[in-house]
């Protein structure tokens, strides 16, 4: 849980990442699970990733970055404020 500096509103975030079959994308979505359903999505990222290839994603808790490791390389998403 953390506070937004501009509004003082507190967020409780859930990070969801998944690969989609036949579309060949890797998706990362950050949702605020303490908000109304209309304002739930805070961040959404979509990148190309073959379904057959191996990919791993992990969330770094200290600086709130999301790192994706795959055969094609490394991708870092800065999710922190």
N, C-alpha and C. Protein backbone atom coordinates (compact mmCIF):
# COMPACT_ATOMS: atom_id res chain seq x y z
N UNK A 1 0.84 -1.17 0.00
CA UNK A 1 0.00 0.00 0.00
C UNK A 1 0.89 1.24 0.00
N UNK A 2 0.54 2.21 -0.80
CA UNK A 2 1.31 3.44 -0.84
C UNK A 2 0.40 4.61 -1.16
N UNK A 3 0.87 5.82 -0.93
CA UNK A 3 0.07 7.01 -1.17
C UNK A 3 0.52 7.70 -2.43
N UNK A 4 -0.44 8.27 -3.16
CA UNK A 4 -0.13 9.09 -4.32
C UNK A 4 0.23 10.48 -3.81
N UNK A 5 1.35 11.01 -4.25
CA UNK A 5 1.84 12.29 -3.73
C UNK A 5 0.92 13.45 -4.06
N UNK A 6 0.23 13.39 -5.20
CA UNK A 6 -0.61 14.51 -5.61
C UNK A 6 -1.93 14.60 -4.87
N UNK A 7 -2.57 13.50 -4.63
CA UNK A 7 -3.92 13.53 -4.05
C UNK A 7 -3.98 13.06 -2.61
N UNK A 8 -2.96 12.37 -2.13
CA UNK A 8 -2.99 11.82 -0.79
C UNK A 8 -3.85 10.58 -0.67
N UNK A 9 -4.31 10.08 -1.79
CA UNK A 9 -5.15 8.89 -1.84
C UNK A 9 -4.26 7.64 -1.72
N UNK A 10 -4.70 6.65 -0.97
CA UNK A 10 -3.90 5.43 -0.83
C UNK A 10 -4.34 4.37 -1.83
N UNK A 11 -3.36 3.63 -2.36
CA UNK A 11 -3.60 2.58 -3.33
C UNK A 11 -3.19 1.23 -2.75
N UNK A 12 -3.90 0.20 -3.12
CA UNK A 12 -3.50 -1.17 -2.84
C UNK A 12 -3.44 -1.84 -4.20
N UNK A 13 -2.23 -2.18 -4.64
CA UNK A 13 -2.03 -2.57 -6.03
C UNK A 13 -1.85 -4.07 -6.19
N UNK A 14 -2.30 -4.56 -7.33
CA UNK A 14 -2.12 -5.95 -7.73
C UNK A 14 -1.50 -5.94 -9.12
N UNK A 15 -0.37 -6.63 -9.29
CA UNK A 15 0.32 -6.71 -10.57
C UNK A 15 0.03 -8.08 -11.18
N UNK A 16 -0.53 -8.08 -12.39
CA UNK A 16 -0.89 -9.32 -13.09
C UNK A 16 -0.11 -9.35 -14.41
N UNK A 17 0.58 -10.46 -14.67
CA UNK A 17 1.29 -10.61 -15.94
C UNK A 17 0.96 -11.97 -16.53
N UNK A 18 0.81 -12.01 -17.86
CA UNK A 18 0.44 -13.26 -18.53
C UNK A 18 0.78 -13.19 -20.01
N UNK A 19 0.95 -14.37 -20.61
CA UNK A 19 1.15 -14.48 -22.06
C UNK A 19 -0.16 -14.95 -22.67
N UNK A 20 -0.50 -14.43 -23.84
CA UNK A 20 -1.73 -14.83 -24.52
C UNK A 20 -1.41 -15.79 -25.66
N UNK A 21 -2.19 -16.83 -25.78
CA UNK A 21 -2.00 -17.82 -26.83
C UNK A 21 -2.58 -17.28 -28.14
N UNK A 22 -1.96 -17.60 -29.25
CA UNK A 22 -2.35 -17.22 -30.61
C UNK A 22 -2.20 -15.73 -30.93
N UNK A 23 -2.14 -14.87 -29.94
CA UNK A 23 -1.97 -13.43 -30.19
C UNK A 23 -0.50 -13.05 -30.06
N UNK A 24 0.28 -13.86 -29.33
CA UNK A 24 1.72 -13.65 -29.14
C UNK A 24 2.04 -12.33 -28.46
N UNK A 25 1.41 -12.08 -27.33
CA UNK A 25 1.71 -10.89 -26.54
C UNK A 25 1.97 -11.27 -25.10
N UNK A 26 2.76 -10.44 -24.43
CA UNK A 26 3.01 -10.56 -23.00
C UNK A 26 2.41 -9.31 -22.37
N UNK A 27 1.48 -9.47 -21.46
CA UNK A 27 0.74 -8.35 -20.88
C UNK A 27 1.08 -8.18 -19.42
N UNK A 28 1.21 -6.93 -19.01
CA UNK A 28 1.39 -6.57 -17.60
C UNK A 28 0.33 -5.53 -17.28
N UNK A 29 -0.46 -5.80 -16.24
CA UNK A 29 -1.51 -4.89 -15.82
C UNK A 29 -1.36 -4.63 -14.33
N UNK A 30 -1.44 -3.36 -13.95
CA UNK A 30 -1.41 -2.98 -12.54
C UNK A 30 -2.79 -2.45 -12.20
N UNK A 31 -3.42 -3.09 -11.20
CA UNK A 31 -4.78 -2.70 -10.81
C UNK A 31 -4.80 -2.24 -9.36
N UNK A 32 -5.64 -1.25 -9.11
CA UNK A 32 -5.87 -0.77 -7.75
C UNK A 32 -7.06 -1.56 -7.20
N UNK A 33 -6.79 -2.44 -6.25
CA UNK A 33 -7.86 -3.30 -5.74
C UNK A 33 -8.63 -2.64 -4.60
N UNK A 34 -8.27 -1.42 -4.24
CA UNK A 34 -9.01 -0.69 -3.20
C UNK A 34 -9.98 0.32 -3.80
N UNK A 35 -10.03 0.43 -5.13
CA UNK A 35 -10.86 1.45 -5.79
C UNK A 35 -12.13 0.83 -6.37
N UNK A 36 -12.95 1.71 -6.92
CA UNK A 36 -14.14 1.26 -7.63
C UNK A 36 -13.74 0.52 -8.89
N UNK A 37 -14.65 -0.26 -9.43
CA UNK A 37 -14.36 -1.07 -10.61
C UNK A 37 -14.05 -0.20 -11.84
N UNK A 38 -14.57 1.00 -11.92
CA UNK A 38 -14.33 1.87 -13.07
C UNK A 38 -12.92 2.45 -13.09
N UNK A 39 -12.31 2.58 -11.92
CA UNK A 39 -10.97 3.18 -11.83
C UNK A 39 -9.91 2.15 -11.47
N UNK A 40 -10.15 0.88 -11.75
CA UNK A 40 -9.28 -0.19 -11.25
C UNK A 40 -7.93 -0.25 -11.94
N UNK A 41 -7.83 -0.01 -13.25
CA UNK A 41 -6.58 -0.16 -13.97
C UNK A 41 -5.72 1.10 -13.85
N UNK A 42 -4.52 0.94 -13.28
CA UNK A 42 -3.58 2.05 -13.14
C UNK A 42 -2.57 2.09 -14.27
N UNK A 43 -2.16 0.91 -14.77
CA UNK A 43 -1.13 0.82 -15.80
C UNK A 43 -1.35 -0.45 -16.60
N UNK A 44 -1.11 -0.35 -17.92
CA UNK A 44 -1.24 -1.52 -18.79
C UNK A 44 -0.11 -1.48 -19.82
N UNK A 45 0.56 -2.62 -19.98
CA UNK A 45 1.65 -2.73 -20.94
C UNK A 45 1.46 -4.01 -21.75
N UNK A 46 1.72 -3.91 -23.04
CA UNK A 46 1.61 -5.07 -23.93
C UNK A 46 2.83 -5.09 -24.84
N UNK A 47 3.51 -6.24 -24.92
CA UNK A 47 4.67 -6.36 -25.78
C UNK A 47 4.63 -7.69 -26.53
N UNK A 48 5.38 -7.78 -27.62
CA UNK A 48 5.41 -8.99 -28.44
C UNK A 48 6.20 -10.08 -27.73
N UNK A 49 5.63 -11.27 -27.69
CA UNK A 49 6.30 -12.43 -27.10
C UNK A 49 5.68 -13.68 -27.71
N UNK A 50 6.50 -14.49 -28.36
CA UNK A 50 5.98 -15.72 -28.94
C UNK A 50 5.46 -16.65 -27.84
N UNK A 51 4.32 -17.27 -28.09
CA UNK A 51 3.72 -18.16 -27.13
C UNK A 51 4.61 -19.36 -26.83
N UNK A 52 5.32 -19.85 -27.85
CA UNK A 52 6.14 -21.04 -27.69
C UNK A 52 7.42 -20.78 -26.90
N UNK A 53 7.89 -19.55 -26.86
CA UNK A 53 9.15 -19.25 -26.20
C UNK A 53 8.94 -19.03 -24.70
N UNK A 54 9.99 -19.30 -23.93
CA UNK A 54 9.93 -19.18 -22.49
C UNK A 54 10.14 -17.73 -22.07
N UNK A 55 9.37 -17.27 -21.10
CA UNK A 55 9.52 -15.92 -20.55
C UNK A 55 9.21 -15.97 -19.06
N UNK A 56 9.92 -15.15 -18.30
CA UNK A 56 9.72 -15.05 -16.86
C UNK A 56 9.59 -13.58 -16.48
N UNK A 57 8.72 -13.31 -15.55
CA UNK A 57 8.55 -11.96 -15.05
C UNK A 57 8.64 -11.93 -13.55
N UNK A 58 9.24 -10.87 -13.00
CA UNK A 58 9.33 -10.74 -11.55
C UNK A 58 9.24 -9.29 -11.15
N UNK A 59 8.70 -9.08 -9.98
CA UNK A 59 8.52 -7.74 -9.44
C UNK A 59 9.59 -7.47 -8.39
N UNK A 60 10.35 -6.39 -8.59
CA UNK A 60 11.36 -5.98 -7.62
C UNK A 60 10.68 -5.08 -6.59
N UNK A 61 10.65 -5.50 -5.35
CA UNK A 61 9.86 -4.80 -4.34
C UNK A 61 10.51 -3.50 -3.86
N UNK A 62 11.82 -3.40 -3.91
CA UNK A 62 12.47 -2.21 -3.37
C UNK A 62 12.18 -0.96 -4.22
N UNK A 63 12.34 -1.07 -5.54
CA UNK A 63 12.10 0.09 -6.40
C UNK A 63 10.86 -0.05 -7.26
N UNK A 64 10.07 -1.14 -7.06
CA UNK A 64 8.81 -1.39 -7.74
C UNK A 64 8.95 -1.44 -9.26
N UNK A 65 10.02 -2.05 -9.75
CA UNK A 65 10.19 -2.30 -11.17
C UNK A 65 9.73 -3.71 -11.49
N UNK A 66 9.20 -3.91 -12.70
CA UNK A 66 8.82 -5.23 -13.16
C UNK A 66 9.80 -5.63 -14.26
N UNK A 67 10.46 -6.77 -14.10
CA UNK A 67 11.49 -7.23 -15.03
C UNK A 67 10.99 -8.47 -15.75
N UNK A 68 11.12 -8.47 -17.07
CA UNK A 68 10.76 -9.62 -17.89
C UNK A 68 12.02 -10.16 -18.55
N UNK A 69 12.27 -11.45 -18.35
CA UNK A 69 13.42 -12.12 -18.95
C UNK A 69 12.92 -13.12 -19.99
N UNK A 70 13.49 -13.04 -21.19
CA UNK A 70 13.14 -13.98 -22.25
C UNK A 70 14.37 -14.23 -23.12
N UNK A 71 14.20 -15.08 -24.11
CA UNK A 71 15.29 -15.40 -25.01
C UNK A 71 15.73 -14.17 -25.81
N UNK A 72 14.79 -13.27 -26.09
CA UNK A 72 15.11 -12.08 -26.86
C UNK A 72 15.75 -10.97 -26.04
N UNK A 73 15.75 -11.09 -24.70
CA UNK A 73 16.42 -10.08 -23.90
C UNK A 73 15.71 -9.77 -22.60
N UNK A 74 16.00 -8.60 -22.09
CA UNK A 74 15.52 -8.13 -20.81
C UNK A 74 14.66 -6.90 -21.02
N UNK A 75 13.52 -6.83 -20.35
CA UNK A 75 12.65 -5.66 -20.42
C UNK A 75 12.37 -5.20 -19.00
N UNK A 76 12.55 -3.90 -18.73
CA UNK A 76 12.30 -3.35 -17.41
C UNK A 76 11.19 -2.33 -17.52
N UNK A 77 10.14 -2.51 -16.70
CA UNK A 77 9.04 -1.56 -16.64
C UNK A 77 9.12 -0.86 -15.28
N UNK A 78 9.25 0.46 -15.29
CA UNK A 78 9.33 1.23 -14.06
C UNK A 78 7.92 1.50 -13.56
N UNK A 79 7.48 0.75 -12.56
CA UNK A 79 6.13 0.89 -12.03
C UNK A 79 6.08 1.80 -10.79
N UNK A 80 7.22 2.21 -10.29
CA UNK A 80 7.26 3.07 -9.10
C UNK A 80 6.78 4.47 -9.41
N UNK A 81 6.55 5.25 -8.38
CA UNK A 81 6.05 6.61 -8.56
C UNK A 81 7.18 7.52 -9.04
